[in-house]
């Protein structure tokens, strides 16, 4: 699970609900579209807060930056029906969000599961987008070991989805003994976010992580600039797999040193610089290609 490095919005950002033709979505927004607009889509068990440390540097680079809670995630409502959370439904939501932003082509960034959602949106209709970044998001299903962990969580949600506090306590009981303790503020936030997320959203998106087919060849035919960005280590999609996906896509490849599955939270300054460089802002270094 992605853990924000802080929870307070920077002074340049604001929180509000973005009204779309598919309902309202909770967002954080910063900056003006001097050089363009970016839409940031979070991953499994995640939320807009996972991108909170990217808002200020991307705004300073000249980008209107919008991070969103997807349908049924944290502060965005969603129905208690599994049919609402297939990747194609979530892709339609992304396209609705772009229409509502109304600022021309958008740089789309999907983290982890959000990359699969973003890919589905681009494959459905690439015309609203200026580029696609797949951040710590691979070509198909997650690695086998992570599949087993996700299957256990999905099974627990299917059996106990009305007892989200109980599932949360069971998950935390399996945290590594040597893990660095979270701050009390972060602990409260992570629990609150979990309890506010719709169980059916987690069930259906968890299945997608386990079963998603390889759509790289299909995506490679879309004439859109693409970036594959990741940490130096990734247990969901191993780094060599991401390297190969970038090659197959003809995409730019960036590795953020010293980070793992959430470079957006683990080294936001370097991640923001790499994104801004890819989007054409001057002075932003590309870390690794």
C-alpha atoms as a PDB file:
ATOM      1  CA  UNK A   1       0.000   0.000   0.000  1.00  0.00           C
ATOM      2  CA  UNK A   2       1.293   3.432  -0.952  1.00  0.00           C
ATOM      3  CA  UNK A   3       2.019   5.673   2.031  1.00  0.00           C
ATOM      4  CA  UNK A   4       2.041   9.445   1.467  1.00  0.00           C
ATOM      5  CA  UNK A   5       5.155  11.173   2.857  1.00  0.00           C
ATOM      6  CA  UNK A   6       2.863  13.833   4.325  1.00  0.00           C
ATOM      7  CA  UNK A   7      -0.869  14.512   4.534  1.00  0.00           C
ATOM      8  CA  UNK A   8      -1.118  18.313   4.525  1.00  0.00           C
ATOM      9  CA  UNK A   9      -1.811  19.908   1.162  1.00  0.00           C
ATOM     10  CA  UNK A  10       0.788  22.468   0.042  1.00  0.00           C
ATOM     11  CA  UNK A  11      -0.402  26.099  -0.041  1.00  0.00           C
ATOM     12  CA  UNK A  12      -0.670  26.007  -3.848  1.00  0.00           C
ATOM     13  CA  UNK A  13      -3.191  23.130  -3.794  1.00  0.00           C
ATOM     14  CA  UNK A  14      -6.862  22.760  -3.011  1.00  0.00           C
ATOM     15  CA  UNK A  15      -9.258  19.875  -2.392  1.00  0.00           C
ATOM     16  CA  UNK A  16     -12.686  19.773  -4.024  1.00  0.00           C
ATOM     17  CA  UNK A  17     -15.138  17.549  -5.876  1.00  0.00           C
ATOM     18  CA  UNK A  18     -14.810  17.490  -9.652  1.00  0.00           C
ATOM     19  CA  UNK A  19     -18.261  17.281 -11.235  1.00  0.00           C
ATOM     20  CA  UNK A  20     -18.401  15.002 -14.294  1.00  0.00           C
ATOM     21  CA  UNK A  21     -21.062  13.381 -16.435  1.00  0.00           C
ATOM     22  CA  UNK A  22     -20.351  10.163 -14.496  1.00  0.00           C
ATOM     23  CA  UNK A  23     -20.684  11.697 -11.053  1.00  0.00           C
ATOM     24  CA  UNK A  24     -18.446  13.637  -8.641  1.00  0.00           C
ATOM     25  CA  UNK A  25     -14.835  12.691  -7.890  1.00  0.00           C
ATOM     26  CA  UNK A  26     -12.751  13.903  -4.950  1.00  0.00           C
ATOM     27  CA  UNK A  27      -9.564  15.568  -6.210  1.00  0.00           C
ATOM     28  CA  UNK A  28      -6.533  17.537  -5.167  1.00  0.00           C
ATOM     29  CA  UNK A  29      -5.472  20.200  -7.666  1.00  0.00           C
ATOM     30  CA  UNK A  30      -2.513  22.555  -7.941  1.00  0.00           C
ATOM     31  CA  UNK A  31      -1.090  24.864 -10.579  1.00  0.00           C
ATOM     32  CA  UNK A  32      -2.164  26.483 -13.819  1.00  0.00           C
ATOM     33  CA  UNK A  33      -1.950  24.861 -17.278  1.00  0.00           C
ATOM     34  CA  UNK A  34       0.956  26.997 -18.491  1.00  0.00           C
ATOM     35  CA  UNK A  35       2.620  23.950 -20.047  1.00  0.00           C
ATOM     36  CA  UNK A  36      -0.288  21.529 -19.820  1.00  0.00           C
ATOM     37  CA  UNK A  37      -2.525  19.536 -17.501  1.00  0.00           C
ATOM     38  CA  UNK A  38      -1.765  16.234 -15.752  1.00  0.00           C
ATOM     39  CA  UNK A  39      -4.248  13.740 -14.305  1.00  0.00           C
ATOM     40  CA  UNK A  40      -2.851  11.333 -11.692  1.00  0.00           C
ATOM     41  CA  UNK A  41      -4.689   8.009 -11.131  1.00  0.00           C
ATOM     42  CA  UNK A  42      -3.891   6.036  -7.936  1.00  0.00           C
ATOM     43  CA  UNK A  43      -3.413   2.335  -7.414  1.00  0.00           C
ATOM     44  CA  UNK A  44      -4.984  -0.546  -5.496  1.00  0.00           C
ATOM     45  CA  UNK A  45      -5.974   0.477  -1.930  1.00  0.00           C
ATOM     46  CA  UNK A  46      -4.679   3.951  -2.810  1.00  0.00           C
ATOM     47  CA  UNK A  47      -6.033   7.473  -3.141  1.00  0.00           C
ATOM     48  CA  UNK A  48      -5.214  10.962  -4.353  1.00  0.00           C
ATOM     49  CA  UNK A  49      -3.056  11.483  -1.259  1.00  0.00           C
ATOM     50  CA  UNK A  50      -0.438   9.155  -2.757  1.00  0.00           C
ATOM     51  CA  UNK A  51       0.474  12.016  -5.123  1.00  0.00           C
ATOM     52  CA  UNK A  52       0.363  14.815  -2.564  1.00  0.00           C
ATOM     53  CA  UNK A  53       4.110  15.451  -2.700  1.00  0.00           C
ATOM     54  CA  UNK A  54       4.059  15.776  -6.515  1.00  0.00           C
ATOM     55  CA  UNK A  55       1.562  18.635  -6.553  1.00  0.00           C
ATOM     56  CA  UNK A  56       3.866  21.525  -5.682  1.00  0.00           C
ATOM     57  CA  UNK A  57       6.857  20.618  -7.891  1.00  0.00           C
ATOM     58  CA  UNK A  58       4.656  19.846 -10.906  1.00  0.00           C
ATOM     59  CA  UNK A  59       2.716  23.073 -10.414  1.00  0.00           C
ATOM     60  CA  UNK A  60       6.029  24.952 -10.196  1.00  0.00           C
ATOM     61  CA  UNK A  61       7.057  23.352 -13.503  1.00  0.00           C
ATOM     62  CA  UNK A  62       3.969  24.870 -15.160  1.00  0.00           C
ATOM     63  CA  UNK A  63       1.450  22.041 -15.033  1.00  0.00           C
ATOM     64  CA  UNK A  64      -2.096  22.037 -13.749  1.00  0.00           C
ATOM     65  CA  UNK A  65      -1.922  18.840 -11.705  1.00  0.00           C
ATOM     66  CA  UNK A  66      -5.011  16.924 -10.607  1.00  0.00           C
ATOM     67  CA  UNK A  67      -4.894  13.809  -8.422  1.00  0.00           C
ATOM     68  CA  UNK A  68      -8.142  11.873  -8.145  1.00  0.00           C
ATOM     69  CA  UNK A  69      -9.868   9.315  -5.947  1.00  0.00           C
ATOM     70  CA  UNK A  70     -11.414   6.815  -8.351  1.00  0.00           C
ATOM     71  CA  UNK A  71     -14.943   5.555  -8.036  1.00  0.00           C
ATOM     72  CA  UNK A  72     -15.366   3.868  -4.650  1.00  0.00           C
ATOM     73  CA  UNK A  73     -11.912   4.999  -3.444  1.00  0.00           C
ATOM     74  CA  UNK A  74     -11.640   6.897  -0.171  1.00  0.00           C
ATOM     75  CA  UNK A  75     -13.555  10.196  -0.592  1.00  0.00           C
ATOM     76  CA  UNK A  76     -15.275   9.387  -3.899  1.00  0.00           C
ATOM     77  CA  UNK A  77     -18.551   7.491  -3.448  1.00  0.00           C
ATOM     78  CA  UNK A  78     -19.398   4.288  -5.263  1.00  0.00           C
ATOM     79  CA  UNK A  79     -22.138   1.658  -5.287  1.00  0.00           C
ATOM     80  CA  UNK A  80     -22.022  -1.692  -3.489  1.00  0.00           C
ATOM     81  CA  UNK A  81     -22.162  -3.510  -6.833  1.00  0.00           C
ATOM     82  CA  UNK A  82     -19.255  -5.347  -8.455  1.00  0.00           C
ATOM     83  CA  UNK A  83     -20.411  -4.405 -11.953  1.00  0.00           C
ATOM     84  CA  UNK A  84     -19.434  -0.773 -11.268  1.00  0.00           C
ATOM     85  CA  UNK A  85     -15.704  -1.471 -10.903  1.00  0.00           C
ATOM     86  CA  UNK A  86     -14.476  -3.318 -13.990  1.00  0.00           C
ATOM     87  CA  UNK A  87     -11.496  -1.705 -15.699  1.00  0.00           C
ATOM     88  CA  UNK A  88     -13.662  -0.555 -18.602  1.00  0.00           C
ATOM     89  CA  UNK A  89     -16.021   1.237 -16.204  1.00  0.00           C
ATOM     90  CA  UNK A  90     -13.108   2.877 -14.413  1.00  0.00           C
ATOM     91  CA  UNK A  91     -11.619   3.842 -17.792  1.00  0.00           C
ATOM     92  CA  UNK A  92     -14.870   5.589 -18.699  1.00  0.00           C
ATOM     93  CA  UNK A  93     -14.564   7.509 -15.432  1.00  0.00           C
ATOM     94  CA  UNK A  94     -11.066   8.711 -16.404  1.00  0.00           C
ATOM     95  CA  UNK A  95     -12.354   9.914 -19.766  1.00  0.00           C
ATOM     96  CA  UNK A  96     -15.190  11.741 -17.978  1.00  0.00           C
ATOM     97  CA  UNK A  97     -12.692  13.387 -15.634  1.00  0.00           C
ATOM     98  CA  UNK A  98     -10.646  14.625 -18.599  1.00  0.00           C
ATOM     99  CA  UNK A  99     -13.788  16.068 -20.220  1.00  0.00           C
ATOM    100  CA  UNK A 100     -14.634  17.849 -16.991  1.00  0.00           C
ATOM    101  CA  UNK A 101     -11.157  19.375 -16.704  1.00  0.00           C
ATOM    102  CA  UNK A 102     -11.719  21.016 -20.069  1.00  0.00           C
ATOM    103  CA  UNK A 103      -8.152  22.197 -20.697  1.00  0.00           C
ATOM    104  CA  UNK A 104      -7.209  20.302 -23.854  1.00  0.00           C
ATOM    105  CA  UNK A 105      -5.022  17.185 -24.115  1.00  0.00           C
ATOM    106  CA  UNK A 106      -4.036  15.792 -20.713  1.00  0.00           C
ATOM    107  CA  UNK A 107      -0.861  14.024 -19.573  1.00  0.00           C
ATOM    108  CA  UNK A 108      -2.224  10.845 -17.973  1.00  0.00           C
ATOM    109  CA  UNK A 109      -0.286   9.138 -15.155  1.00  0.00           C
ATOM    110  CA  UNK A 110      -1.414   5.810 -13.700  1.00  0.00           C
ATOM    111  CA  UNK A 111       0.282   4.331 -10.628  1.00  0.00           C
ATOM    112  CA  UNK A 112       0.188   0.523 -10.251  1.00  0.00           C
ATOM    113  CA  UNK A 113      -3.467  -0.543 -10.736  1.00  0.00           C
ATOM    114  CA  UNK A 114      -4.023   3.031 -11.923  1.00  0.00           C
ATOM    115  CA  UNK A 115      -1.735   2.215 -14.830  1.00  0.00           C
ATOM    116  CA  UNK A 116      -4.041  -0.604 -15.913  1.00  0.00           C
ATOM    117  CA  UNK A 117      -7.018   1.762 -15.637  1.00  0.00           C
ATOM    118  CA  UNK A 118      -5.168   4.469 -17.567  1.00  0.00           C
ATOM    119  CA  UNK A 119      -4.153   1.984 -20.255  1.00  0.00           C
ATOM    120  CA  UNK A 120      -7.783   0.932 -20.655  1.00  0.00           C
ATOM    121  CA  UNK A 121      -8.799   4.596 -20.995  1.00  0.00           C
ATOM    122  CA  UNK A 122      -6.193   5.255 -23.697  1.00  0.00           C
ATOM    123  CA  UNK A 123      -7.161   2.102 -25.581  1.00  0.00           C
ATOM    124  CA  UNK A 124     -10.782   3.173 -25.444  1.00  0.00           C
ATOM    125  CA  UNK A 125     -10.067   6.718 -26.700  1.00  0.00           C
ATOM    126  CA  UNK A 126      -6.569   8.203 -26.968  1.00  0.00           C
ATOM    127  CA  UNK A 127      -7.689  11.532 -28.445  1.00  0.00           C
ATOM    128  CA  UNK A 128      -8.007  13.457 -25.123  1.00  0.00           C
ATOM    129  CA  UNK A 129      -4.442  12.645 -24.067  1.00  0.00           C
ATOM    130  CA  UNK A 130      -1.070  14.286 -24.664  1.00  0.00           C
ATOM    131  CA  UNK A 131       0.913  11.374 -23.192  1.00  0.00           C
ATOM    132  CA  UNK A 132       0.665   8.265 -21.028  1.00  0.00           C
ATOM    133  CA  UNK A 133       2.903   7.424 -18.061  1.00  0.00           C
ATOM    134  CA  UNK A 134       2.766   3.952 -16.545  1.00  0.00           C
ATOM    135  CA  UNK A 135       4.247   4.314 -13.066  1.00  0.00           C
ATOM    136  CA  UNK A 136       5.175   1.032 -11.359  1.00  0.00           C
ATOM    137  CA  UNK A 137       2.574  -0.647 -13.562  1.00  0.00           C
ATOM    138  CA  UNK A 138       3.291  -3.637 -15.753  1.00  0.00           C
ATOM    139  CA  UNK A 139       2.158  -5.392 -18.902  1.00  0.00           C
ATOM    140  CA  UNK A 140      -0.288  -7.897 -17.407  1.00  0.00           C
ATOM    141  CA  UNK A 141      -1.070  -9.527 -14.052  1.00  0.00           C
ATOM    142  CA  UNK A 142       1.159  -8.920 -11.046  1.00  0.00           C
ATOM    143  CA  UNK A 143       3.929 -11.340 -10.058  1.00  0.00           C
ATOM    144  CA  UNK A 144       2.853 -14.773  -8.806  1.00  0.00           C
ATOM    145  CA  UNK A 145       3.812 -14.169  -5.173  1.00  0.00           C
ATOM    146  CA  UNK A 146       1.813 -10.959  -5.141  1.00  0.00           C
ATOM    147  CA  UNK A 147      -1.071 -12.733  -6.839  1.00  0.00           C
ATOM    148  CA  UNK A 148      -1.265 -15.157  -3.904  1.00  0.00           C
ATOM    149  CA  UNK A 149      -1.364 -12.309  -1.392  1.00  0.00           C
ATOM    150  CA  UNK A 150      -4.037 -10.522  -3.410  1.00  0.00           C
ATOM    151  CA  UNK A 151      -6.121 -13.694  -3.737  1.00  0.00           C
ATOM    152  CA  UNK A 152      -6.148 -14.007   0.062  1.00  0.00           C
ATOM    153  CA  UNK A 153      -7.284 -10.409   0.434  1.00  0.00           C
ATOM    154  CA  UNK A 154     -10.006 -10.774  -2.213  1.00  0.00           C
ATOM    155  CA  UNK A 155     -11.256 -13.947  -0.504  1.00  0.00           C
ATOM    156  CA  UNK A 156     -11.383 -12.138   2.839  1.00  0.00           C
ATOM    157  CA  UNK A 157     -13.299  -9.253   1.289  1.00  0.00           C
ATOM    158  CA  UNK A 158     -15.744 -11.623  -0.391  1.00  0.00           C
ATOM    159  CA  UNK A 159     -16.405 -13.347   2.939  1.00  0.00           C
ATOM    160  CA  UNK A 160     -16.141 -10.383   5.318  1.00  0.00           C
ATOM    161  CA  UNK A 161     -16.613  -7.233   3.217  1.00  0.00           C
ATOM    162  CA  UNK A 162     -19.033  -5.786   5.761  1.00  0.00           C
ATOM    163  CA  UNK A 163     -16.341  -6.049   8.449  1.00  0.00           C
ATOM    164  CA  UNK A 164     -13.697  -3.761   6.998  1.00  0.00           C
ATOM    165  CA  UNK A 165     -12.303  -2.950  10.486  1.00  0.00           C
ATOM    166  CA  UNK A 166     -11.759  -6.669  11.130  1.00  0.00           C
ATOM    167  CA  UNK A 167      -9.964  -7.162   7.806  1.00  0.00           C
ATOM    168  CA  UNK A 168      -7.805  -4.113   8.498  1.00  0.00           C
ATOM    169  CA  UNK A 169      -6.710  -5.474  11.870  1.00  0.00           C
ATOM    170  CA  UNK A 170      -5.918  -8.853  10.308  1.00  0.00           C
ATOM    171  CA  UNK A 171      -3.793  -7.198   7.612  1.00  0.00           C
ATOM    172  CA  UNK A 172      -1.836  -5.091  10.084  1.00  0.00           C
ATOM    173  CA  UNK A 173      -1.195  -8.158  12.225  1.00  0.00           C
ATOM    174  CA  UNK A 174       0.812  -9.557   9.304  1.00  0.00           C
ATOM    175  CA  UNK A 175       3.039  -6.476   8.948  1.00  0.00           C
ATOM    176  CA  UNK A 176       6.751  -7.400   9.139  1.00  0.00           C
ATOM    177  CA  UNK A 177       8.052  -7.352  12.695  1.00  0.00           C
ATOM    178  CA  UNK A 178      11.006  -5.182  11.671  1.00  0.00           C
ATOM    179  CA  UNK A 179       8.918  -2.643   9.748  1.00  0.00           C
ATOM    180  CA  UNK A 180       9.454   1.012  10.672  1.00  0.00           C
ATOM    181  CA  UNK A 181       6.332   2.095  12.600  1.00  0.00           C
ATOM    182  CA  UNK A 182       4.073   4.613  10.888  1.00  0.00           C
ATOM    183  CA  UNK A 183       3.406   7.901  12.619  1.00  0.00           C
ATOM    184  CA  UNK A 184       0.120   8.085  14.544  1.00  0.00           C
ATOM    185  CA  UNK A 185      -1.209  10.563  11.956  1.00  0.00           C
ATOM    186  CA  UNK A 186      -0.366   8.255   9.039  1.00  0.00           C
ATOM    187  CA  UNK A 187      -1.749   5.221  10.890  1.00  0.00           C
ATOM    188  CA  UNK A 188      -5.070   7.013  11.399  1.00  0.00           C
ATOM    189  CA  UNK A 189      -5.195   8.089   7.763  1.00  0.00           C
ATOM    190  CA  UNK A 190      -4.420   4.633   6.342  1.00  0.00           C
ATOM    191  CA  UNK A 191      -7.135   3.051   8.473  1.00  0.00           C
ATOM    192  CA  UNK A 192      -9.643   5.783   7.602  1.00  0.00           C
ATOM    193  CA  UNK A 193      -8.892   5.380   3.888  1.00  0.00           C
ATOM    194  CA  UNK A 194      -9.311   1.615   4.078  1.00  0.00           C
ATOM    195  CA  UNK A 195     -12.634   1.882   5.916  1.00  0.00           C
ATOM    196  CA  UNK A 196     -13.939   4.455   3.409  1.00  0.00           C
ATOM    197  CA  UNK A 197     -13.089   2.365   0.328  1.00  0.00           C
ATOM    198  CA  UNK A 198     -15.961   0.323  -1.096  1.00  0.00           C
ATOM    199  CA  UNK A 199     -15.294  -3.436  -0.620  1.00  0.00           C
ATOM    200  CA  UNK A 200     -16.594  -4.286  -4.083  1.00  0.00           C
ATOM    201  CA  UNK A 201     -14.109  -1.857  -5.597  1.00  0.00           C
ATOM    202  CA  UNK A 202     -11.271  -3.735  -3.905  1.00  0.00           C
ATOM    203  CA  UNK A 203     -12.678  -7.131  -4.872  1.00  0.00           C
ATOM    204  CA  UNK A 204     -13.019  -6.365  -8.568  1.00  0.00           C
ATOM    205  CA  UNK A 205      -9.784  -4.432  -8.936  1.00  0.00           C
ATOM    206  CA  UNK A 206      -7.954  -7.104  -6.952  1.00  0.00           C
ATOM    207  CA  UNK A 207      -9.176  -9.689  -9.456  1.00  0.00           C
ATOM    208  CA  UNK A 208      -7.931  -7.457 -12.273  1.00  0.00           C
ATOM    209  CA  UNK A 209      -4.440  -7.442 -10.754  1.00  0.00           C
ATOM    210  CA  UNK A 210      -4.538 -11.246 -10.683  1.00  0.00           C
ATOM    211  CA  UNK A 211      -5.991 -11.819 -14.158  1.00  0.00           C
ATOM    212  CA  UNK A 212      -5.208  -8.836 -16.410  1.00  0.00           C
ATOM    213  CA  UNK A 213      -3.995  -9.978 -19.860  1.00  0.00           C
ATOM    214  CA  UNK A 214      -0.984  -8.567 -21.668  1.00  0.00           C
ATOM    215  CA  UNK A 215      -2.181  -5.635 -23.827  1.00  0.00           C
ATOM    216  CA  UNK A 216       1.220  -4.153 -24.635  1.00  0.00           C
ATOM    217  CA  UNK A 217       1.067  -4.852 -28.360  1.00  0.00           C
ATOM    218  CA  UNK A 218      -2.333  -3.158 -28.537  1.00  0.00           C
ATOM    219  CA  UNK A 219      -1.099  -0.159 -26.575  1.00  0.00           C
ATOM    220  CA  UNK A 220       2.063   0.036 -28.672  1.00  0.00           C
ATOM    221  CA  UNK A 221      -0.038   0.738 -31.738  1.00  0.00           C
ATOM    222  CA  UNK A 222      -1.491   3.876 -30.133  1.00  0.00           C
ATOM    223  CA  UNK A 223       0.498   6.878 -31.469  1.00  0.00           C
ATOM    224  CA  UNK A 224       0.963   8.569 -28.112  1.00  0.00           C
ATOM    225  CA  UNK A 225       4.207   9.446 -26.260  1.00  0.00           C
ATOM    226  CA  UNK A 226       4.709   6.914 -23.466  1.00  0.00           C
ATOM    227  CA  UNK A 227       6.863   6.741 -20.347  1.00  0.00           C
ATOM    228  CA  UNK A 228       7.478   3.709 -18.133  1.00  0.00           C
ATOM    229  CA  UNK A 229       8.632   4.976 -14.726  1.00  0.00           C
ATOM    230  CA  UNK A 230       9.438   2.848 -11.703  1.00  0.00           C
ATOM    231  CA  UNK A 231      11.605   2.447  -8.669  1.00  0.00           C
ATOM    232  CA  UNK A 232      14.799   0.424  -8.693  1.00  0.00           C
ATOM    233  CA  UNK A 233      12.960  -2.491  -7.030  1.00  0.00           C
ATOM    234  CA  UNK A 234       9.385  -3.594  -7.605  1.00  0.00           C
ATOM    235  CA  UNK A 235       7.725  -6.705  -6.204  1.00  0.00           C
ATOM    236  CA  UNK A 236       4.422  -6.282  -8.043  1.00  0.00           C
ATOM    237  CA  UNK A 237       6.024  -6.112 -11.498  1.00  0.00           C
ATOM    238  CA  UNK A 238       9.772  -6.886 -11.401  1.00  0.00           C
ATOM    239  CA  UNK A 239      11.976  -4.207 -12.933  1.00  0.00           C
ATOM    240  CA  UNK A 240      13.272  -6.401 -15.824  1.00  0.00           C
ATOM    241  CA  UNK A 241       9.637  -6.943 -16.841  1.00  0.00           C
ATOM    242  CA  UNK A 242       9.085  -3.179 -16.864  1.00  0.00           C
ATOM    243  CA  UNK A 243      12.273  -2.708 -18.896  1.00  0.00           C
ATOM    244  CA  UNK A 244      10.977  -5.172 -21.474  1.00  0.00           C
ATOM    245  CA  UNK A 245       7.547  -3.527 -21.560  1.00  0.00           C
ATOM    246  CA  UNK A 246       9.143  -0.149 -22.259  1.00  0.00           C
ATOM    247  CA  UNK A 247      11.112  -1.680 -25.120  1.00  0.00           C
ATOM    248  CA  UNK A 248       7.999  -3.283 -26.576  1.00  0.00           C
ATOM    249  CA  UNK A 249       6.102   0.007 -26.319  1.00  0.00           C
ATOM    250  CA  UNK A 250       8.904   2.115 -27.737  1.00  0.00           C
ATOM    251  CA  UNK A 251       8.527   4.141 -24.547  1.00  0.00           C
ATOM    252  CA  UNK A 252      10.934   6.305 -22.604  1.00  0.00           C
ATOM    253  CA  UNK A 253      12.188   4.440 -19.524  1.00  0.00           C
ATOM    254  CA  UNK A 254      12.986   6.121 -16.200  1.00  0.00           C
ATOM    255  CA  UNK A 255      14.167   4.420 -13.009  1.00  0.00           C
ATOM    256  CA  UNK A 256      14.115   6.486  -9.812  1.00  0.00           C
ATOM    257  CA  UNK A 257      17.099   5.316  -7.738  1.00  0.00           C
ATOM    258  CA  UNK A 258      16.558   4.268  -4.151  1.00  0.00           C
ATOM    259  CA  UNK A 259      12.802   3.763  -4.493  1.00  0.00           C
ATOM    260  CA  UNK A 260      10.508   0.778  -4.775  1.00  0.00           C
ATOM    261  CA  UNK A 261       6.838   0.506  -5.792  1.00  0.00           C
ATOM    262  CA  UNK A 262       5.874   4.117  -5.007  1.00  0.00           C
ATOM    263  CA  UNK A 263       8.499   6.551  -6.339  1.00  0.00           C
ATOM    264  CA  UNK A 264       5.771   9.211  -6.262  1.00  0.00           C
ATOM    265  CA  UNK A 265       5.829   8.995  -2.453  1.00  0.00           C
ATOM    266  CA  UNK A 266       9.373   7.747  -1.811  1.00  0.00           C
ATOM    267  CA  UNK A 267      11.232  10.372  -3.895  1.00  0.00           C
ATOM    268  CA  UNK A 268       8.667  12.866  -5.177  1.00  0.00           C
ATOM    269  CA  UNK A 269      11.186  15.525  -6.238  1.00  0.00           C
ATOM    270  CA  UNK A 270      13.060  13.197  -8.600  1.00  0.00           C
ATOM    271  CA  UNK A 271       9.807  11.678  -9.828  1.00  0.00           C
ATOM    272  CA  UNK A 272       8.301  15.103 -10.535  1.00  0.00           C
ATOM    273  CA  UNK A 273      11.464  16.191 -12.370  1.00  0.00           C
ATOM    274  CA  UNK A 274      11.329  13.086 -14.560  1.00  0.00           C
ATOM    275  CA  UNK A 275       7.644  13.639 -15.370  1.00  0.00           C
ATOM    276  CA  UNK A 276       8.186  17.316 -16.187  1.00  0.00           C
ATOM    277  CA  UNK A 277      11.127  16.426 -18.428  1.00  0.00           C
ATOM    278  CA  UNK A 278       9.035  13.875 -20.292  1.00  0.00           C
ATOM    279  CA  UNK A 279       6.256  16.413 -20.722  1.00  0.00           C
ATOM    280  CA  UNK A 280       8.694  18.892 -22.220  1.00  0.00           C
ATOM    281  CA  UNK A 281       9.411  21.302 -19.389  1.00  0.00           C
ATOM    282  CA  UNK A 282      12.946  22.726 -19.591  1.00  0.00           C
ATOM    283  CA  UNK A 283      15.520  21.914 -16.959  1.00  0.00           C
ATOM    284  CA  UNK A 284      14.019  18.639 -15.758  1.00  0.00           C
ATOM    285  CA  UNK A 285      16.600  15.830 -15.707  1.00  0.00           C
ATOM    286  CA  UNK A 286      15.768  12.400 -17.041  1.00  0.00           C
ATOM    287  CA  UNK A 287      17.069   9.991 -14.416  1.00  0.00           C
ATOM    288  CA  UNK A 288      17.619   6.846 -16.469  1.00  0.00           C
ATOM    289  CA  UNK A 289      16.598   5.680 -19.915  1.00  0.00           C
END
